[in-house]
Amino acid sequence: MRHLGLILLVAATVCGCASGPSWKRQMFAFSFQADPPTTNAQTNTVALKHVSISPLFQSRSFTYRTAASTYEQDPYAGFLIPPERNLAETIRAWMRASNAFGRVVEPGSSLTPTLGAEVSVNQLYGDFRKASQPVGIMELHFIFYEIKDGDPGRVLFDKVCAHETPLARKTADALMAAWNADLRDIMEEIQSEYAKANQHR
């Protein structure tokens, strides 16, 4: 029993992101960052049709990259709801507050959208390959397209944005804060690039 206790203590120490002495699982969620930059309101009615995550990072447990081809999942820290659902809600809230894309409708709305959007999450992990410099990694692929007679039409915008934010500490809550910062930076970049791409449309 003494050996078993020692093994468990070492495992918790190596993880670096366990929730603490009680070893209770921590649950996290992306949060909407207030006061996004605003632009001239658009007249489109926009539907965020789909948010998907690479199978590598679909788990509700936090994923850490520890070597070039090595990843670990934290048994003590994860998302409160599936991360694709949480990201969809947060991105939709940002789009609605910014006024940069048009009137943003909720899933199941009776309004007919004139613009559709899809987001693919290519990367979502804590990069711990450099123990002294842990960072949160996020990469999102945005596509906006016209909707005519209920069917997808011309693609108006296609952009991949990747950001990384240093962690204040090597903990799960610091990683969540870094991901929120990544998401804010990406949404600001998408908003700016979308406005430039469609200013003469």
N, C-alpha and C. Protein backbone atom coordinates (compact mmCIF):
# COMPACT_ATOMS: atom_id res chain seq x y z
N MET A 1 0.83 -1.21 0.00
CA MET A 1 0.00 0.00 0.00
C MET A 1 0.87 1.26 0.00
N ARG A 2 2.02 1.18 0.73
CA ARG A 2 2.90 2.34 0.76
C ARG A 2 3.43 2.64 -0.64
N HIS A 3 3.78 1.60 -1.41
CA HIS A 3 4.27 1.79 -2.77
C HIS A 3 3.19 2.37 -3.67
N LEU A 4 1.96 1.91 -3.49
CA LEU A 4 0.85 2.42 -4.30
C LEU A 4 0.64 3.90 -4.05
N GLY A 5 0.68 4.31 -2.80
CA GLY A 5 0.51 5.72 -2.48
C GLY A 5 1.60 6.57 -3.08
N LEU A 6 2.84 6.07 -3.07
CA LEU A 6 3.95 6.80 -3.65
C LEU A 6 3.78 6.97 -5.14
N ILE A 7 3.31 5.91 -5.82
CA ILE A 7 3.09 5.97 -7.26
C ILE A 7 2.04 7.02 -7.60
N LEU A 8 0.94 7.04 -6.86
CA LEU A 8 -0.12 8.01 -7.12
C LEU A 8 0.36 9.43 -6.87
N LEU A 9 1.17 9.64 -5.85
CA LEU A 9 1.69 10.97 -5.57
C LEU A 9 2.59 11.45 -6.69
N VAL A 10 3.45 10.59 -7.19
CA VAL A 10 4.34 10.95 -8.29
C VAL A 10 3.54 11.28 -9.53
N ALA A 11 2.51 10.48 -9.82
CA ALA A 11 1.68 10.72 -11.01
C ALA A 11 1.01 12.08 -10.95
N ALA A 12 0.50 12.45 -9.79
CA ALA A 12 -0.15 13.75 -9.66
C ALA A 12 0.84 14.89 -9.82
N THR A 13 2.06 14.68 -9.32
CA THR A 13 3.08 15.72 -9.42
C THR A 13 3.51 15.92 -10.86
N VAL A 14 3.70 14.83 -11.60
CA VAL A 14 4.13 14.91 -13.00
C VAL A 14 3.08 15.60 -13.84
N CYS A 15 1.82 15.32 -13.59
CA CYS A 15 0.75 15.91 -14.39
C CYS A 15 0.81 17.43 -14.37
N GLY A 16 1.00 18.02 -13.20
CA GLY A 16 1.12 19.46 -13.10
C GLY A 16 -0.20 20.20 -13.24
N CYS A 17 -1.23 19.51 -13.72
CA CYS A 17 -2.51 20.18 -13.92
C CYS A 17 -3.62 19.49 -13.15
N ALA A 18 -3.29 18.63 -12.23
CA ALA A 18 -4.32 18.03 -11.39
C ALA A 18 -4.95 19.10 -10.54
N SER A 19 -6.14 18.83 -10.06
CA SER A 19 -6.91 19.88 -9.41
C SER A 19 -6.47 20.18 -7.99
N GLY A 20 -5.59 19.41 -7.41
CA GLY A 20 -5.13 19.72 -6.06
C GLY A 20 -5.20 18.51 -5.16
N PRO A 21 -4.98 18.71 -3.88
CA PRO A 21 -4.92 17.58 -2.95
C PRO A 21 -6.18 16.73 -2.93
N SER A 22 -7.34 17.33 -3.19
CA SER A 22 -8.57 16.56 -3.14
C SER A 22 -8.76 15.70 -4.37
N TRP A 23 -8.02 16.03 -5.47
CA TRP A 23 -8.08 15.28 -6.72
C TRP A 23 -9.49 15.25 -7.29
N LYS A 24 -10.27 16.28 -7.05
CA LYS A 24 -11.60 16.37 -7.64
C LYS A 24 -11.49 16.89 -9.07
N ARG A 25 -12.32 16.38 -9.95
CA ARG A 25 -12.28 16.79 -11.34
C ARG A 25 -12.77 18.23 -11.48
N GLN A 26 -12.02 19.06 -12.17
CA GLN A 26 -12.40 20.44 -12.43
C GLN A 26 -13.08 20.53 -13.79
N MET A 27 -14.14 21.32 -13.87
CA MET A 27 -14.88 21.48 -15.11
C MET A 27 -14.79 22.93 -15.56
N PHE A 28 -14.53 23.15 -16.86
CA PHE A 28 -14.30 24.48 -17.39
C PHE A 28 -15.19 24.74 -18.60
N ALA A 29 -15.29 26.02 -18.96
CA ALA A 29 -16.06 26.41 -20.15
C ALA A 29 -15.45 27.66 -20.75
N PHE A 30 -15.53 27.77 -22.07
CA PHE A 30 -15.14 29.00 -22.74
C PHE A 30 -16.10 30.10 -22.31
N SER A 31 -15.56 31.31 -22.17
CA SER A 31 -16.40 32.43 -21.75
C SER A 31 -16.35 33.52 -22.81
N PHE A 32 -17.47 34.18 -22.98
CA PHE A 32 -17.58 35.29 -23.92
C PHE A 32 -16.82 36.49 -23.39
N GLN A 33 -15.92 37.01 -24.21
CA GLN A 33 -15.14 38.17 -23.81
C GLN A 33 -15.93 39.44 -24.13
N ALA A 34 -16.20 40.24 -23.12
CA ALA A 34 -17.05 41.42 -23.29
C ALA A 34 -16.40 42.45 -24.21
N ASP A 35 -17.27 43.30 -24.79
CA ASP A 35 -16.84 44.44 -25.59
C ASP A 35 -15.94 44.07 -26.76
N PRO A 36 -16.40 43.19 -27.66
CA PRO A 36 -15.62 42.95 -28.88
C PRO A 36 -15.61 44.21 -29.73
N PRO A 37 -14.59 44.40 -30.56
CA PRO A 37 -14.59 45.58 -31.43
C PRO A 37 -15.77 45.52 -32.39
N THR A 38 -16.43 46.65 -32.61
CA THR A 38 -17.61 46.68 -33.45
C THR A 38 -17.32 47.36 -34.78
N THR A 39 -18.07 46.99 -35.79
CA THR A 39 -17.98 47.63 -37.09
C THR A 39 -19.40 47.99 -37.52
N ASN A 40 -19.52 48.55 -38.72
CA ASN A 40 -20.85 48.89 -39.21
C ASN A 40 -21.71 47.63 -39.29
N ALA A 41 -22.92 47.74 -38.79
CA ALA A 41 -23.82 46.58 -38.77
C ALA A 41 -24.13 46.12 -40.18
N GLN A 42 -24.17 44.81 -40.36
CA GLN A 42 -24.51 44.21 -41.65
C GLN A 42 -25.99 43.85 -41.68
N THR A 43 -26.53 43.69 -42.89
CA THR A 43 -27.95 43.38 -43.03
C THR A 43 -28.21 41.90 -43.22
N ASN A 44 -27.16 41.08 -43.22
CA ASN A 44 -27.33 39.64 -43.37
C ASN A 44 -28.03 39.03 -42.16
N THR A 45 -28.67 37.90 -42.40
CA THR A 45 -29.13 37.05 -41.31
C THR A 45 -28.23 35.82 -41.32
N VAL A 46 -27.47 35.63 -40.25
CA VAL A 46 -26.37 34.66 -40.24
C VAL A 46 -26.72 33.47 -39.35
N ALA A 47 -26.39 32.28 -39.85
CA ALA A 47 -26.53 31.06 -39.05
C ALA A 47 -25.17 30.39 -38.94
N LEU A 48 -24.70 30.19 -37.71
CA LEU A 48 -23.50 29.39 -37.48
C LEU A 48 -23.94 27.94 -37.57
N LYS A 49 -23.71 27.35 -38.74
CA LYS A 49 -24.28 26.05 -39.04
C LYS A 49 -23.61 24.90 -38.30
N HIS A 50 -22.29 25.00 -38.15
CA HIS A 50 -21.58 23.82 -37.67
C HIS A 50 -20.25 24.21 -37.04
N VAL A 51 -19.94 23.63 -35.90
CA VAL A 51 -18.62 23.72 -35.30
C VAL A 51 -18.14 22.30 -35.05
N SER A 52 -17.02 21.95 -35.66
CA SER A 52 -16.48 20.60 -35.51
C SER A 52 -15.06 20.68 -34.96
N ILE A 53 -14.63 19.63 -34.28
CA ILE A 53 -13.30 19.57 -33.69
C ILE A 53 -12.57 18.35 -34.21
N SER A 54 -11.30 18.50 -34.52
CA SER A 54 -10.47 17.37 -34.94
C SER A 54 -10.63 16.22 -33.95
N PRO A 55 -10.72 14.98 -34.44
CA PRO A 55 -10.85 13.83 -33.53
C PRO A 55 -9.75 13.76 -32.48
N LEU A 56 -8.60 14.37 -32.76
CA LEU A 56 -7.50 14.35 -31.79
C LEU A 56 -7.86 15.11 -30.52
N PHE A 57 -8.78 16.08 -30.62
CA PHE A 57 -9.05 16.97 -29.50
C PHE A 57 -10.53 17.03 -29.12
N GLN A 58 -11.30 16.03 -29.51
CA GLN A 58 -12.73 16.02 -29.23
C GLN A 58 -13.06 15.65 -27.79
N SER A 59 -12.13 15.07 -27.08
CA SER A 59 -12.40 14.63 -25.71
C SER A 59 -12.77 15.80 -24.82
N ARG A 60 -13.63 15.56 -23.85
CA ARG A 60 -13.95 16.59 -22.87
C ARG A 60 -12.81 16.77 -21.87
N SER A 61 -11.87 15.83 -21.81
CA SER A 61 -10.69 16.00 -20.97
C SER A 61 -9.68 16.90 -21.67
N PHE A 62 -8.98 17.72 -20.92
CA PHE A 62 -7.95 18.58 -21.49
C PHE A 62 -6.84 17.72 -22.09
N THR A 63 -6.30 18.17 -23.21
CA THR A 63 -5.23 17.45 -23.89
C THR A 63 -3.94 18.24 -23.80
N TYR A 64 -2.84 17.54 -23.45
CA TYR A 64 -1.53 18.17 -23.34
C TYR A 64 -0.56 17.49 -24.30
N ARG A 65 0.19 18.31 -25.02
CA ARG A 65 1.22 17.78 -25.91
C ARG A 65 2.54 17.78 -25.15
N THR A 66 3.15 16.61 -25.03
CA THR A 66 4.37 16.49 -24.23
C THR A 66 5.61 16.20 -25.07
N ALA A 67 5.42 15.81 -26.32
CA ALA A 67 6.54 15.56 -27.24
C ALA A 67 6.00 15.70 -28.65
N ALA A 68 6.89 15.55 -29.64
CA ALA A 68 6.50 15.77 -31.03
C ALA A 68 5.27 14.97 -31.42
N SER A 69 5.18 13.72 -30.99
CA SER A 69 4.05 12.86 -31.35
C SER A 69 3.38 12.25 -30.13
N THR A 70 3.53 12.89 -28.98
CA THR A 70 3.01 12.36 -27.73
C THR A 70 2.03 13.33 -27.09
N TYR A 71 0.83 12.83 -26.76
CA TYR A 71 -0.20 13.63 -26.11
C TYR A 71 -0.70 12.88 -24.87
N GLU A 72 -1.16 13.65 -23.89
CA GLU A 72 -1.77 13.07 -22.70
C GLU A 72 -3.08 13.77 -22.42
N GLN A 73 -4.01 13.05 -21.80
CA GLN A 73 -5.28 13.64 -21.40
C GLN A 73 -5.36 13.69 -19.88
N ASP A 74 -5.83 14.83 -19.39
CA ASP A 74 -5.88 15.06 -17.95
C ASP A 74 -7.14 14.44 -17.37
N PRO A 75 -7.03 13.47 -16.45
CA PRO A 75 -8.22 12.87 -15.85
C PRO A 75 -8.90 13.78 -14.84
N TYR A 76 -8.27 14.89 -14.49
CA TYR A 76 -8.79 15.76 -13.45
C TYR A 76 -9.29 17.11 -13.96
N ALA A 77 -9.17 17.37 -15.27
CA ALA A 77 -9.61 18.66 -15.81
C ALA A 77 -10.23 18.45 -17.18
N GLY A 78 -11.39 19.08 -17.39
CA GLY A 78 -12.05 18.92 -18.68
C GLY A 78 -13.15 19.96 -18.87
N PHE A 79 -13.84 19.85 -19.99
CA PHE A 79 -14.91 20.78 -20.35
C PHE A 79 -16.23 20.35 -19.71
N LEU A 80 -17.00 21.35 -19.28
CA LEU A 80 -18.29 21.08 -18.65
C LEU A 80 -19.26 20.43 -19.62
N ILE A 81 -19.25 20.90 -20.88
CA ILE A 81 -20.05 20.31 -21.95
C ILE A 81 -19.10 20.02 -23.11
N PRO A 82 -19.52 19.24 -24.10
CA PRO A 82 -18.63 18.99 -25.23
C PRO A 82 -18.06 20.29 -25.78
N PRO A 83 -16.75 20.36 -26.02
CA PRO A 83 -16.13 21.64 -26.40
C PRO A 83 -16.68 22.24 -27.68
N GLU A 84 -17.13 21.41 -28.64
CA GLU A 84 -17.68 21.98 -29.86
C GLU A 84 -18.97 22.75 -29.59
N ARG A 85 -19.79 22.27 -28.65
CA ARG A 85 -21.01 22.99 -28.29
C ARG A 85 -20.69 24.28 -27.56
N ASN A 86 -19.73 24.22 -26.65
CA ASN A 86 -19.33 25.40 -25.89
C ASN A 86 -18.74 26.47 -26.82
N LEU A 87 -17.89 26.04 -27.75
CA LEU A 87 -17.31 26.99 -28.70
C LEU A 87 -18.37 27.61 -29.60
N ALA A 88 -19.33 26.80 -30.04
CA ALA A 88 -20.40 27.32 -30.89
C ALA A 88 -21.17 28.42 -30.18
N GLU A 89 -21.51 28.21 -28.91
CA GLU A 89 -22.25 29.22 -28.15
C GLU A 89 -21.42 30.49 -27.97
N THR A 90 -20.13 30.33 -27.70
CA THR A 90 -19.27 31.48 -27.45
C THR A 90 -19.01 32.27 -28.73
N ILE A 91 -18.75 31.58 -29.82
CA ILE A 91 -18.52 32.25 -31.11
C ILE A 91 -19.78 32.96 -31.56
N ARG A 92 -20.92 32.32 -31.39
CA ARG A 92 -22.20 32.94 -31.77
C ARG A 92 -22.44 34.22 -30.96
N ALA A 93 -22.13 34.18 -29.67
CA ALA A 93 -22.31 35.37 -28.82
C ALA A 93 -21.39 36.50 -29.26
N TRP A 94 -20.16 36.17 -29.62
CA TRP A 94 -19.23 37.20 -30.10
C TRP A 94 -19.73 37.81 -31.40
N MET A 95 -20.14 36.96 -32.34
CA MET A 95 -20.63 37.46 -33.63
C MET A 95 -21.83 38.38 -33.45
N ARG A 96 -22.72 38.02 -32.54
CA ARG A 96 -23.92 38.82 -32.30
C ARG A 96 -23.55 40.18 -31.70
N ALA A 97 -22.62 40.20 -30.76
CA ALA A 97 -22.26 41.44 -30.09
C ALA A 97 -21.46 42.38 -30.99
N SER A 98 -20.72 41.83 -31.93
CA SER A 98 -19.84 42.66 -32.76
C SER A 98 -20.58 43.42 -33.85
N ASN A 99 -21.74 42.91 -34.30
CA ASN A 99 -22.50 43.49 -35.41
C ASN A 99 -21.77 43.41 -36.75
N ALA A 100 -20.67 42.70 -36.81
CA ALA A 100 -19.85 42.69 -38.02
C ALA A 100 -20.35 41.71 -39.08
N PHE A 101 -21.20 40.77 -38.71
CA PHE A 101 -21.60 39.72 -39.63
C PHE A 101 -23.07 39.77 -39.99
N GLY A 102 -23.87 40.47 -39.19
CA GLY A 102 -25.30 40.55 -39.42
C GLY A 102 -26.08 40.05 -38.22
N ARG A 103 -27.36 39.86 -38.41
CA ARG A 103 -28.23 39.34 -37.36
C ARG A 103 -27.94 37.85 -37.20
N VAL A 104 -27.51 37.45 -36.02
CA VAL A 104 -27.11 36.06 -35.78
C VAL A 104 -28.28 35.32 -35.14
N VAL A 105 -28.71 34.25 -35.79
CA VAL A 105 -29.87 33.50 -35.31
C VAL A 105 -29.42 32.28 -34.52
N GLU A 106 -30.27 31.84 -33.63
CA GLU A 106 -30.02 30.65 -32.84
C GLU A 106 -30.40 29.40 -33.65
N PRO A 107 -29.82 28.25 -33.31
CA PRO A 107 -30.23 27.01 -33.97
C PRO A 107 -31.73 26.79 -33.81
N GLY A 108 -32.38 26.38 -34.88
CA GLY A 108 -33.81 26.14 -34.84
C GLY A 108 -34.65 27.37 -35.06
N SER A 109 -34.03 28.52 -35.32
CA SER A 109 -34.78 29.75 -35.55
C SER A 109 -35.65 29.63 -36.80
N SER A 110 -36.81 30.29 -36.78
CA SER A 110 -37.70 30.30 -37.94
C SER A 110 -37.25 31.29 -39.01
N LEU A 111 -36.32 32.16 -38.67
CA LEU A 111 -35.80 33.11 -39.64
C LEU A 111 -34.95 32.38 -40.69
N THR A 112 -35.03 32.83 -41.93
CA THR A 112 -34.27 32.22 -43.01
C THR A 112 -32.93 32.93 -43.15
N PRO A 113 -31.81 32.24 -42.92
CA PRO A 113 -30.51 32.91 -43.01
C PRO A 113 -30.12 33.20 -44.46
N THR A 114 -29.41 34.29 -44.64
CA THR A 114 -28.87 34.63 -45.95
C THR A 114 -27.36 34.34 -46.01
N LEU A 115 -26.79 34.05 -44.84
CA LEU A 115 -25.35 33.78 -44.76
C LEU A 115 -25.13 32.64 -43.78
N GLY A 116 -24.29 31.70 -44.18
CA GLY A 116 -23.96 30.58 -43.32
C GLY A 116 -22.49 30.63 -42.92
N ALA A 117 -22.19 30.05 -41.78
CA ALA A 117 -20.81 29.99 -41.31
C ALA A 117 -20.53 28.60 -40.74
N GLU A 118 -19.32 28.13 -40.96
CA GLU A 118 -18.87 26.87 -40.40
C GLU A 118 -17.48 27.08 -39.81
N VAL A 119 -17.23 26.40 -38.70
CA VAL A 119 -15.94 26.52 -38.02
C VAL A 119 -15.39 25.13 -37.75
N SER A 120 -14.13 24.93 -38.11
CA SER A 120 -13.44 23.68 -37.80
C SER A 120 -12.30 23.99 -36.82
N VAL A 121 -12.24 23.23 -35.76
CA VAL A 121 -11.17 23.39 -34.76
C VAL A 121 -10.08 22.38 -35.09
N ASN A 122 -8.97 22.87 -35.60
CA ASN A 122 -7.89 21.98 -36.01
C ASN A 122 -6.94 21.64 -34.87
N GLN A 123 -6.77 22.58 -33.92
CA GLN A 123 -5.87 22.34 -32.79
C GLN A 123 -6.47 22.95 -31.53
N LEU A 124 -6.35 22.21 -30.44
CA LEU A 124 -6.85 22.68 -29.14
C LEU A 124 -6.16 21.86 -28.05
N TYR A 125 -5.03 22.39 -27.58
CA TYR A 125 -4.29 21.63 -26.57
C TYR A 125 -3.35 22.55 -25.81
N GLY A 126 -2.85 22.05 -24.69
CA GLY A 126 -1.79 22.73 -23.96
C GLY A 126 -0.46 22.17 -24.42
N ASP A 127 0.44 23.04 -24.86
CA ASP A 127 1.74 22.60 -25.36
C ASP A 127 2.74 22.65 -24.21
N PHE A 128 3.10 21.46 -23.71
CA PHE A 128 4.01 21.35 -22.57
C PHE A 128 5.35 20.76 -22.99
N ARG A 129 5.69 20.88 -24.27
CA ARG A 129 6.96 20.31 -24.72
C ARG A 129 8.15 21.04 -24.10
N LYS A 130 8.01 22.33 -23.83
CA LYS A 130 9.02 23.08 -23.09
C LYS A 130 8.46 23.33 -21.70
N ALA A 131 8.96 22.59 -20.73
CA ALA A 131 8.38 22.63 -19.39
C ALA A 131 8.36 24.03 -18.80
N SER A 132 9.34 24.85 -19.13
CA SER A 132 9.41 26.20 -18.56
C SER A 132 8.60 27.21 -19.35
N GLN A 133 8.05 26.81 -20.52
CA GLN A 133 7.31 27.73 -21.38
C GLN A 133 6.02 27.09 -21.90
N PRO A 134 5.10 26.68 -21.01
CA PRO A 134 3.85 26.07 -21.48
C PRO A 134 2.96 27.12 -22.15
N VAL A 135 2.27 26.73 -23.21
CA VAL A 135 1.39 27.65 -23.92
C VAL A 135 0.08 26.94 -24.28
N GLY A 136 -0.97 27.72 -24.44
CA GLY A 136 -2.24 27.21 -24.95
C GLY A 136 -2.27 27.39 -26.45
N ILE A 137 -2.66 26.36 -27.17
CA ILE A 137 -2.67 26.36 -28.63
C ILE A 137 -4.10 26.24 -29.14
N MET A 138 -4.47 27.09 -30.10
CA MET A 138 -5.78 27.01 -30.74
C MET A 138 -5.65 27.38 -32.21
N GLU A 139 -6.28 26.58 -33.07
CA GLU A 139 -6.34 26.91 -34.50
C GLU A 139 -7.75 26.66 -35.00
N LEU A 140 -8.37 27.69 -35.59
CA LEU A 140 -9.74 27.61 -36.09
C LEU A 140 -9.78 27.94 -37.57
N HIS A 141 -10.63 27.23 -38.29
CA HIS A 141 -10.84 27.46 -39.73
C HIS A 141 -12.27 27.95 -39.92
N PHE A 142 -12.42 29.17 -40.42
CA PHE A 142 -13.73 29.78 -40.64
C PHE A 142 -14.07 29.81 -42.12
N ILE A 143 -15.32 29.47 -42.44
CA ILE A 143 -15.84 29.61 -43.80
C ILE A 143 -17.20 30.30 -43.71
N PHE A 144 -17.38 31.39 -44.46
CA PHE A 144 -18.66 32.07 -44.58
C PHE A 144 -19.13 31.94 -46.03
N TYR A 145 -20.42 31.67 -46.23
CA TYR A 145 -20.94 31.48 -47.58
C TYR A 145 -22.37 31.97 -47.66
N GLU A 146 -22.76 32.34 -48.87
CA GLU A 146 -24.13 32.77 -49.12
C GLU A 146 -25.08 31.59 -49.04
N ILE A 147 -26.32 31.87 -48.65
CA ILE A 147 -27.38 30.86 -48.68
C ILE A 147 -28.49 31.39 -49.58
N LYS A 148 -28.81 30.63 -50.62
CA LYS A 148 -29.87 31.00 -51.55
C LYS A 148 -30.86 29.86 -51.67
N ASP A 149 -32.15 30.19 -51.43
CA ASP A 149 -33.20 29.18 -51.47
C ASP A 149 -32.88 28.00 -50.55
N GLY A 150 -32.24 28.30 -49.43
CA GLY A 150 -31.95 27.27 -48.43
C GLY A 150 -30.72 26.45 -48.70
N ASP A 151 -30.03 26.71 -49.82
CA ASP A 151 -28.85 25.91 -50.19
C ASP A 151 -27.58 26.75 -50.12
N PRO A 152 -26.44 26.13 -49.79
CA PRO A 152 -25.17 26.86 -49.77
C PRO A 152 -24.83 27.40 -51.16
N GLY A 153 -24.31 28.61 -51.18
CA GLY A 153 -23.93 29.24 -52.44
C GLY A 153 -22.46 29.63 -52.44
N ARG A 154 -22.18 30.80 -52.95
CA ARG A 154 -20.81 31.26 -53.13
C ARG A 154 -20.11 31.45 -51.79
N VAL A 155 -18.86 30.98 -51.71
CA VAL A 155 -18.04 31.19 -50.52
C VAL A 155 -17.55 32.63 -50.51
N LEU A 156 -17.78 33.33 -49.41
CA LEU A 156 -17.40 34.73 -49.29
C LEU A 156 -16.10 34.93 -48.51
N PHE A 157 -15.77 33.95 -47.67
CA PHE A 157 -14.63 34.14 -46.78
C PHE A 157 -14.14 32.77 -46.33
N ASP A 158 -12.83 32.57 -46.38
CA ASP A 158 -12.23 31.28 -46.00
C ASP A 158 -10.89 31.59 -45.35
N LYS A 159 -10.78 31.33 -44.05
CA LYS A 159 -9.59 31.77 -43.33
C LYS A 159 -9.26 30.82 -42.19
N VAL A 160 -7.97 30.48 -42.06
CA VAL A 160 -7.46 29.71 -40.93
C VAL A 160 -6.67 30.64 -40.03
N CYS A 161 -7.00 30.64 -38.74
CA CYS A 161 -6.29 31.48 -37.77
C CYS A 161 -5.76 30.60 -36.64
N ALA A 162 -4.50 30.78 -36.31
CA ALA A 162 -3.88 30.04 -35.21
C ALA A 162 -3.26 31.02 -34.23
N HIS A 163 -3.44 30.77 -32.95
CA HIS A 163 -2.85 31.61 -31.91
C HIS A 163 -2.35 30.74 -30.77
N GLU A 164 -1.35 31.26 -30.08
CA GLU A 164 -0.87 30.60 -28.86
C GLU A 164 -0.62 31.65 -27.80
N THR A 165 -0.97 31.31 -26.56
CA THR A 165 -0.85 32.23 -25.44
C THR A 165 -0.08 31.56 -24.31
N PRO A 166 0.98 32.18 -23.79
CA PRO A 166 1.72 31.59 -22.67
C PRO A 166 0.82 31.41 -21.45
N LEU A 167 1.05 30.34 -20.70
CA LEU A 167 0.30 30.09 -19.48
C LEU A 167 0.95 30.84 -18.32
N ALA A 168 0.12 31.46 -17.50
CA ALA A 168 0.64 32.14 -16.31
C ALA A 168 1.23 31.13 -15.32
N ARG A 169 0.61 29.94 -15.29
CA ARG A 169 1.09 28.85 -14.45
C ARG A 169 0.80 27.55 -15.19
N LYS A 170 1.42 26.50 -14.80
CA LYS A 170 1.16 25.20 -15.42
C LYS A 170 0.01 24.52 -14.68
N THR A 171 -1.19 25.08 -14.86
CA THR A 171 -2.39 24.56 -14.22
C THR A 171 -3.52 24.54 -15.24
N ALA A 172 -4.56 23.80 -14.93
CA ALA A 172 -5.70 23.70 -15.84
C ALA A 172 -6.43 25.03 -15.98
N ASP A 173 -6.60 25.77 -14.89
CA ASP A 173 -7.30 27.05 -15.01
C ASP A 173 -6.48 28.06 -15.80
N ALA A 174 -5.15 28.00 -15.71
CA ALA A 174 -4.30 28.88 -16.52
C ALA A 174 -4.40 28.51 -18.00
N LEU A 175 -4.52 27.22 -18.30
CA LEU A 175 -4.70 26.79 -19.69
C LEU A 175 -6.03 27.28 -20.23
N MET A 176 -7.09 27.20 -19.43
CA MET A 176 -8.39 27.68 -19.88
C MET A 176 -8.34 29.19 -20.15
N ALA A 177 -7.65 29.93 -19.30
CA ALA A 177 -7.50 31.37 -19.51
C ALA A 177 -6.74 31.65 -20.80
N ALA A 178 -5.72 30.84 -21.08
CA ALA A 178 -4.95 31.02 -22.31
C ALA A 178 -5.82 30.72 -23.53
N TRP A 179 -6.64 29.68 -23.48
CA TRP A 179 -7.54 29.37 -24.59
C TRP A 179 -8.55 30.49 -24.81
N ASN A 180 -9.06 31.06 -23.74
CA ASN A 180 -9.99 32.20 -23.90
C ASN A 180 -9.29 33.38 -24.57
N ALA A 181 -8.03 33.60 -24.21
CA ALA A 181 -7.26 34.67 -24.86
C ALA A 181 -7.03 34.35 -26.33
N ASP A 182 -6.72 33.08 -26.63
CA ASP A 182 -6.56 32.66 -28.03
C ASP A 182 -7.83 32.92 -28.82
N LEU A 183 -8.97 32.55 -28.25
CA LEU A 183 -10.25 32.70 -28.94
C LEU A 183 -10.55 34.17 -29.18
N ARG A 184 -10.28 35.02 -28.20
CA ARG A 184 -10.51 36.45 -28.38
C ARG A 184 -9.66 36.99 -29.53
N ASP A 185 -8.37 36.64 -29.55
CA ASP A 185 -7.48 37.11 -30.61
C ASP A 185 -7.93 36.63 -31.98
N ILE A 186 -8.36 35.37 -32.05
CA ILE A 186 -8.80 34.80 -33.33
C ILE A 186 -10.07 35.50 -33.80
N MET A 187 -11.03 35.71 -32.91
CA MET A 187 -12.27 36.35 -33.32
C MET A 187 -12.03 37.79 -33.78
N GLU A 188 -11.13 38.50 -33.12
CA GLU A 188 -10.80 39.86 -33.56
C GLU A 188 -10.16 39.83 -34.95
N GLU A 189 -9.29 38.85 -35.20
CA GLU A 189 -8.65 38.75 -36.51
C GLU A 189 -9.67 38.38 -37.59
N ILE A 190 -10.55 37.42 -37.28
CA ILE A 190 -11.57 37.01 -38.24
C ILE A 190 -12.48 38.18 -38.57
N GLN A 191 -12.89 38.91 -37.55
CA GLN A 191 -13.78 40.04 -37.78
C GLN A 191 -13.13 41.07 -38.69
N SER A 192 -11.86 41.39 -38.42
CA SER A 192 -11.15 42.38 -39.23
C SER A 192 -10.97 41.90 -40.67
N GLU A 193 -10.55 40.65 -40.84
CA GLU A 193 -10.31 40.12 -42.18
C GLU A 193 -11.61 39.96 -42.96
N TYR A 194 -12.67 39.59 -42.27
CA TYR A 194 -13.97 39.45 -42.94
C TYR A 194 -14.44 40.81 -43.46
N ALA A 195 -14.29 41.84 -42.63
CA ALA A 195 -14.71 43.18 -43.06
C ALA A 195 -13.94 43.64 -44.29
N LYS A 196 -12.63 43.37 -44.32
CA LYS A 196 -11.82 43.76 -45.47
C LYS A 196 -12.23 43.01 -46.73
N ALA A 197 -12.49 41.70 -46.56
CA ALA A 197 -12.80 40.85 -47.72
C ALA A 197 -14.15 41.18 -48.32
N ASN A 198 -15.06 41.75 -47.52
CA ASN A 198 -16.43 41.95 -48.00
C ASN A 198 -16.86 43.41 -48.02
N GLN A 199 -15.90 44.32 -47.92
CA GLN A 199 -16.27 45.75 -47.88
C GLN A 199 -16.86 46.26 -49.18
N HIS A 200 -16.54 45.59 -50.30
CA HIS A 200 -17.07 46.06 -51.59
C HIS A 200 -18.14 45.12 -52.15
N ARG A 201 -18.56 44.17 -51.33
CA ARG A 201 -19.54 43.21 -51.84
C ARG A 201 -20.92 43.84 -51.95
